[in-house]
Amino acid sequence: MAMRALVIDPGAPGFLRLGTAAEPRPGPGRLVLDVRHVSLNRGEVVFAGGRPAGTVHGYDAAGVVVHAATDGEGPAVGARVAAMGAGAWAQRMAVDTTAVAEVPVGVDLADAAALPMAGVTALRTVRSRPILGRRVLVTGAAGGVGRYAVQLAALGGAHVIASVGSQARAEGLAGLGAHEVVVGLEGIDRPVDLVLDNVGGPQLAEAWRLLAPGGDVQSIGWASGEPTVLAPYSLFSAGPSRTMSVFGDAREVGPDLATLLGFAAAGRLSPEVGWRGSWERVAEAAQALLDRRVAGKAVLDVEPAATG
C-alpha cells in the first residue's frame, strides 16, 4: 500500500517533492508512527541532493503509534510520541523503539517534532563536560541546535555567550538564557571553557584561540561552508590539554528525547518553532532555512494518511 511522502527528486526545487512510497511495517523493536508533524534541519536541506532519487528524506517526526513493535517493546498503539530516524518525512514512519519518547500531556505534537535531532545534539554536547559556573560559548546560536544549546547551558548553570551572524539574528536569545549576545566573536575578552560550534570555517579557528586550558570545542555543524585553517603551533598550550571533539552520536536517543520533552512540559525549554506550514510548502520552508530566515526550527504539518 502506498502513502504520500517527501522524496528526493534531483529535478525538484531543493531536491524534494511530495511523492509516494511504500508504507512501512512494524517489526521486533520497531513500531510504525502515524506522522502528524515533521521538522527540517538545515543540514538535511543542504545535503538532500546527495541522496538517491526516491528516498524518503528526514529524521524528525511526531505523531501517534498506529502499529506497535511486534515484540511488544516500546509505546502501545495510540501513544503520542516524538521520534528520530530515517524516513521521517512521510505519512507513516517505521522507527526503533529506542529512538522514541512519549509526549507528555500539554506538549503540542508540532512542538515535539521540533525537538529530536537538534535538541538531542544540543543536550549531548552541553553535558559533554561539567558546566556549572563555567563559560560556554554557543556559535550559530540563532539556529535550531544553537537555541536549544543556549537554553540547556543556562539550565546547567553556565555563563552562556551566544554568538550570531548579525544583530538581527540576536533577537530573543537573552530571553532564552544567554548572558552575553555577540556578533561573530566580537567583544569576548576572557577565555571560555566549552565551545559548541555550529559554524566552522575561520570562526572555529578564532574560537579555538579563546579556549581556556582544559577546555573543549564540540564541532557540531559547519554552516559557513568554509575551511578552517589553524595557525602553526596554535594547537599547543601549556597546562591541561585543550581538545576538539567531533559530534555525531545519534544512537538510542529515546531517553534524551524524554528528558527534552519533560523540560518542555515543565516550561523550562522552549521548542523554538520559527516557521510552520503545510508540507505542501516544503520548498518554501527549505529555502527559508538556507537563507537563515528561520529563528530555530521549521515544522511542517503532514496530511493524515487514509485509514481503512
Protein backbone atom coordinates (compact mmCIF):
# COMPACT_ATOMS: atom_id res chain seq x y z
CA MET A 1 0.00 0.00 0.00
CA ALA A 2 1.36 3.44 -0.93
CA MET A 3 1.49 6.57 1.18
CA ARG A 4 2.48 10.16 0.47
CA ALA A 5 6.00 11.22 1.40
CA LEU A 6 8.62 13.87 0.78
CA VAL A 7 11.08 12.14 -1.52
CA ILE A 8 14.36 13.06 -3.15
CA ASP A 9 13.96 14.31 -6.73
CA PRO A 10 17.04 15.77 -8.49
CA GLY A 11 14.77 17.90 -10.70
CA ALA A 12 12.66 19.45 -7.94
CA PRO A 13 13.32 22.73 -6.12
CA GLY A 14 15.58 21.89 -3.19
CA PHE A 15 15.69 18.28 -4.49
CA LEU A 16 12.45 17.47 -2.62
CA ARG A 17 8.88 16.86 -3.76
CA LEU A 18 5.71 15.24 -2.49
CA GLY A 19 5.57 11.77 -3.98
CA THR A 20 4.66 8.27 -2.89
CA ALA A 21 6.42 5.44 -1.10
CA ALA A 22 5.55 2.03 0.26
CA GLU A 23 4.05 2.06 3.72
CA PRO A 24 6.47 0.75 6.37
CA ARG A 25 5.75 -2.26 8.55
CA PRO A 26 6.47 -2.90 12.22
CA GLY A 27 8.99 -5.46 13.38
CA PRO A 28 10.81 -6.54 16.54
CA GLY A 29 11.87 -3.38 18.35
CA ARG A 30 10.36 -1.27 15.57
CA LEU A 31 6.99 0.49 15.61
CA VAL A 32 5.06 2.45 12.98
CA LEU A 33 4.03 6.02 13.59
CA ASP A 34 1.12 7.88 12.03
CA VAL A 35 3.06 11.11 11.45
CA ARG A 36 1.32 14.41 12.19
CA HIS A 37 4.27 16.82 12.04
CA VAL A 38 7.89 16.76 10.86
CA SER A 39 10.72 19.24 11.31
CA LEU A 40 13.51 20.21 8.95
CA ASN A 41 17.15 20.55 9.91
CA ARG A 42 19.29 22.82 7.75
CA GLY A 43 21.83 20.08 7.09
CA GLU A 44 19.11 17.79 5.73
CA VAL A 45 18.17 20.52 3.24
CA VAL A 46 21.78 21.24 2.27
CA PHE A 47 22.63 17.60 1.58
CA ALA A 48 19.33 16.41 0.08
CA GLY A 49 20.80 16.41 -3.43
CA GLY A 50 23.37 13.82 -2.45
CA ARG A 51 20.82 11.10 -1.66
CA PRO A 52 19.36 8.57 -4.14
CA ALA A 53 16.25 9.62 -6.06
CA GLY A 54 13.03 8.35 -4.49
CA THR A 55 14.46 8.15 -0.95
CA VAL A 56 12.08 9.29 1.78
CA HIS A 57 14.02 12.09 3.47
CA GLY A 58 14.16 13.49 7.01
CA TYR A 59 14.73 12.35 10.58
CA ASP A 60 12.39 14.28 12.93
CA ALA A 61 8.72 13.47 13.44
CA ALA A 62 5.90 13.38 15.96
CA GLY A 63 2.58 11.58 15.80
CA VAL A 64 0.57 8.64 17.09
CA VAL A 65 1.61 4.98 17.18
CA VAL A 66 -0.50 3.07 14.67
CA HIS A 67 1.35 -0.29 14.89
CA ALA A 68 3.30 -1.31 17.99
CA ALA A 69 6.56 -3.24 17.72
CA THR A 70 5.93 -6.94 17.12
CA ASP A 71 7.90 -7.97 20.21
CA GLY A 72 5.77 -5.80 22.49
CA GLU A 73 8.57 -3.37 23.25
CA GLY A 74 8.01 0.38 23.34
CA PRO A 75 4.86 2.52 23.34
CA ALA A 76 1.46 0.98 22.63
CA VAL A 77 -0.94 1.79 19.81
CA GLY A 78 -2.46 5.23 20.35
CA ALA A 79 0.52 6.69 22.22
CA ARG A 80 1.62 10.20 21.24
CA VAL A 81 5.36 10.09 20.55
CA ALA A 82 8.26 12.07 19.16
CA ALA A 83 10.71 10.10 17.05
CA MET A 84 14.09 10.33 15.37
CA GLY A 85 15.02 8.06 12.49
CA ALA A 86 15.48 7.83 8.74
CA GLY A 87 12.43 8.24 6.50
CA ALA A 88 10.54 10.55 8.84
CA TRP A 89 9.02 12.89 6.26
CA ALA A 90 6.08 10.70 5.33
CA GLN A 91 2.53 9.94 6.41
CA ARG A 92 3.86 6.91 8.22
CA MET A 93 7.29 6.15 9.62
CA ALA A 94 8.91 2.98 10.97
CA VAL A 95 11.30 3.73 13.82
CA ASP A 96 13.24 1.88 16.51
CA THR A 97 11.55 1.82 19.90
CA THR A 98 14.85 3.06 21.38
CA ALA A 99 14.52 6.26 19.32
CA VAL A 100 11.10 7.43 20.50
CA ALA A 101 9.67 9.05 23.62
CA GLU A 102 6.08 9.60 24.69
CA VAL A 103 4.91 13.20 24.51
CA PRO A 104 3.60 14.50 27.86
CA VAL A 105 0.12 15.92 28.16
CA GLY A 106 0.23 19.63 27.44
CA VAL A 107 3.03 19.44 24.88
CA ASP A 108 1.79 20.04 21.33
CA LEU A 109 2.88 17.43 18.79
CA ALA A 110 4.16 20.15 16.46
CA ASP A 111 6.46 21.39 19.23
CA ALA A 112 7.55 17.82 19.97
CA ALA A 113 8.52 17.33 16.31
CA ALA A 114 10.95 20.24 16.59
CA LEU A 115 13.00 18.56 19.32
CA PRO A 116 14.67 15.32 18.16
CA MET A 117 17.83 15.93 16.13
CA ALA A 118 18.61 19.50 17.17
CA GLY A 119 17.52 19.03 20.78
CA VAL A 120 19.41 15.77 21.33
CA THR A 121 22.53 17.24 19.70
CA ALA A 122 22.37 20.25 21.99
CA LEU A 123 21.74 18.14 25.10
CA ARG A 124 24.55 15.67 24.45
CA THR A 125 27.12 18.34 23.64
CA VAL A 126 26.15 20.62 26.53
CA ARG A 127 26.62 17.80 29.02
CA SER A 128 29.89 16.60 27.46
CA ARG A 129 31.65 18.08 30.49
CA PRO A 130 30.65 19.84 33.76
CA ILE A 131 29.42 23.38 33.03
CA LEU A 132 28.15 24.69 36.38
CA GLY A 133 29.85 28.07 36.83
CA ARG A 134 31.79 27.67 33.56
CA ARG A 135 31.83 29.90 30.49
CA VAL A 136 30.08 28.29 27.50
CA LEU A 137 30.21 29.79 24.00
CA VAL A 138 27.50 28.77 21.53
CA THR A 139 28.18 29.79 17.92
CA GLY A 140 25.37 29.86 15.36
CA ALA A 141 23.17 30.44 18.40
CA ALA A 142 20.13 31.58 16.40
CA GLY A 143 19.73 28.21 14.65
CA GLY A 144 17.93 25.07 15.74
CA VAL A 145 20.77 23.48 17.72
CA GLY A 146 22.01 26.85 18.92
CA ARG A 147 18.77 27.99 20.52
CA TYR A 148 18.42 24.70 22.39
CA ALA A 149 22.07 24.79 23.46
CA VAL A 150 21.68 28.30 24.90
CA GLN A 151 18.69 27.20 26.97
CA LEU A 152 20.23 23.94 28.18
CA ALA A 153 23.59 25.52 29.08
CA ALA A 154 21.75 28.18 31.09
CA LEU A 155 19.72 25.45 32.84
CA GLY A 156 23.02 23.74 33.68
CA GLY A 157 24.31 26.82 35.48
CA ALA A 158 26.76 28.06 32.85
CA HIS A 159 27.59 31.63 31.89
CA VAL A 160 26.30 31.49 28.31
CA ILE A 161 27.72 33.53 25.44
CA ALA A 162 25.58 33.36 22.31
CA SER A 163 27.30 34.20 19.02
CA VAL A 164 25.23 35.11 15.94
CA GLY A 165 25.99 36.17 12.39
CA SER A 166 24.20 39.52 12.54
CA GLN A 167 22.45 41.76 15.04
CA ALA A 168 19.08 40.82 13.54
CA ARG A 169 19.72 37.16 14.49
CA ALA A 170 20.28 38.10 18.14
CA GLU A 171 16.58 38.64 18.86
CA GLY A 172 15.20 36.56 21.70
CA LEU A 173 18.45 34.92 22.81
CA ALA A 174 18.76 36.88 26.04
CA GLY A 175 15.27 35.72 26.93
CA LEU A 176 16.37 32.11 26.41
CA GLY A 177 19.16 32.49 28.97
CA ALA A 178 22.14 33.99 27.14
CA HIS A 179 24.16 36.24 29.47
CA GLU A 180 26.00 37.81 26.53
CA VAL A 181 24.97 38.02 22.86
CA VAL A 182 27.72 38.91 20.38
CA VAL A 183 28.02 39.22 16.61
CA GLY A 184 30.78 36.88 15.49
CA LEU A 185 33.20 36.70 18.42
CA GLU A 186 33.50 40.46 18.84
CA GLY A 187 33.96 41.60 22.41
CA ILE A 188 34.75 38.26 24.04
CA ASP A 189 37.75 39.21 26.17
CA ARG A 190 38.04 36.23 28.53
CA PRO A 191 38.71 32.55 27.84
CA VAL A 192 35.81 30.11 27.57
CA ASP A 193 35.63 26.56 28.91
CA LEU A 194 33.37 24.95 26.32
CA VAL A 195 32.56 25.90 22.74
CA LEU A 196 29.55 24.44 20.96
CA ASP A 197 30.39 25.30 17.37
CA ASN A 198 27.77 25.24 14.63
CA VAL A 199 29.65 27.49 12.18
CA GLY A 200 33.10 26.09 11.36
CA GLY A 201 35.35 28.00 8.97
CA PRO A 202 37.60 30.85 10.15
CA GLN A 203 35.40 31.43 13.19
CA LEU A 204 36.23 27.96 14.51
CA ALA A 205 39.92 28.88 14.50
CA GLU A 206 39.09 32.08 16.38
CA ALA A 207 37.01 30.15 18.91
CA TRP A 208 39.91 27.73 19.44
CA ARG A 209 42.12 30.67 20.40
CA LEU A 210 39.55 31.67 23.04
CA LEU A 211 39.56 28.22 24.68
CA ALA A 212 40.88 28.03 28.23
CA PRO A 213 43.38 25.32 29.25
CA GLY A 214 41.45 22.10 29.78
CA GLY A 215 38.60 23.36 27.60
CA ASP A 216 36.85 21.61 24.73
CA VAL A 217 35.37 22.56 21.36
CA GLN A 218 32.42 20.42 20.28
CA SER A 219 32.29 20.66 16.48
CA ILE A 220 28.58 20.21 15.69
CA GLY A 221 27.95 21.85 12.31
CA TRP A 222 29.66 23.76 9.54
CA ALA A 223 27.14 26.39 8.45
CA SER A 224 29.87 28.62 7.00
CA GLY A 225 30.81 26.05 4.38
CA GLU A 226 34.37 27.37 4.62
CA PRO A 227 37.59 25.58 5.62
CA THR A 228 39.22 26.13 8.98
CA VAL A 229 42.93 26.96 8.94
CA LEU A 230 44.82 26.76 12.23
CA ALA A 231 47.99 28.80 12.64
CA PRO A 232 51.27 26.93 13.23
CA TYR A 233 51.65 25.84 16.87
CA SER A 234 48.13 27.04 17.74
CA LEU A 235 47.28 23.54 18.95
CA PHE A 236 49.94 23.80 21.65
CA SER A 237 49.21 25.29 25.07
CA ALA A 238 50.82 24.95 28.48
CA GLY A 239 48.79 23.27 31.20
CA PRO A 240 45.80 20.91 30.87
CA SER A 241 45.15 19.77 27.31
CA ARG A 242 42.60 21.53 25.19
CA THR A 243 40.53 19.26 22.96
CA MET A 244 38.37 19.42 19.85
CA SER A 245 35.64 16.80 19.55
CA VAL A 246 33.50 15.87 16.57
CA PHE A 247 29.87 15.18 17.45
CA GLY A 248 27.60 12.81 15.58
CA ASP A 249 26.14 10.40 18.14
CA ALA A 250 22.53 9.62 17.24
CA ARG A 251 22.26 6.23 18.96
CA GLU A 252 19.32 5.27 21.21
CA VAL A 253 18.06 8.81 21.65
CA GLY A 254 14.79 7.86 23.40
CA PRO A 255 15.85 8.68 26.98
CA ASP A 256 17.38 12.02 25.96
CA LEU A 257 14.29 12.87 23.93
CA ALA A 258 12.18 12.10 27.01
CA THR A 259 14.36 14.49 29.03
CA LEU A 260 13.81 17.28 26.50
CA LEU A 261 10.06 16.66 26.40
CA GLY A 262 10.00 16.75 30.19
CA PHE A 263 11.74 20.12 30.17
CA ALA A 264 9.23 21.37 27.60
CA ALA A 265 6.27 20.12 29.65
CA ALA A 266 7.64 21.92 32.73
CA GLY A 267 8.08 25.18 30.79
CA ARG A 268 11.87 25.02 31.13
CA LEU A 269 12.64 24.53 27.43
CA SER A 270 11.06 26.39 24.52
CA PRO A 271 10.75 24.30 21.31
CA GLU A 272 11.52 27.45 19.28
CA VAL A 273 9.42 26.84 16.17
CA GLY A 274 10.29 29.75 13.91
CA TRP A 275 8.42 28.60 10.78
CA ARG A 276 5.35 26.39 10.42
CA GLY A 277 3.15 25.42 7.47
CA SER A 278 1.77 22.58 5.38
CA TRP A 279 4.21 20.06 3.97
CA GLU A 280 2.96 21.22 0.56
CA ARG A 281 5.19 24.27 1.26
CA VAL A 282 8.36 22.25 1.79
CA ALA A 283 10.30 24.19 -0.88
CA GLU A 284 9.43 27.48 0.86
CA ALA A 285 10.48 26.16 4.26
CA ALA A 286 13.72 24.72 2.88
CA GLN A 287 14.65 28.00 1.21
CA ALA A 288 13.91 29.95 4.39
CA LEU A 289 16.33 27.69 6.27
CA LEU A 290 19.01 28.06 3.60
CA ASP A 291 18.60 31.84 3.69
CA ARG A 292 18.82 31.82 7.51
CA ARG A 293 15.40 33.45 7.81
CA VAL A 294 14.22 30.97 10.45
CA ALA A 295 14.91 31.53 14.14
CA GLY A 296 15.00 27.98 15.48
CA LYS A 297 13.17 25.14 13.71
CA ALA A 298 10.89 24.80 10.68
CA VAL A 299 7.92 22.47 11.22
CA LEU A 300 5.66 21.01 8.53
CA ASP A 301 2.13 19.75 9.14
CA VAL A 302 1.59 16.38 7.47
CA GLU A 303 -1.59 15.42 5.64
CA PRO A 304 -3.12 12.47 7.54
CA ALA A 305 -2.86 9.03 5.95
CA ALA A 306 -6.01 7.36 4.68
CA THR A 307 -7.43 4.74 7.02
CA GLY A 308 -9.26 1.60 6.28
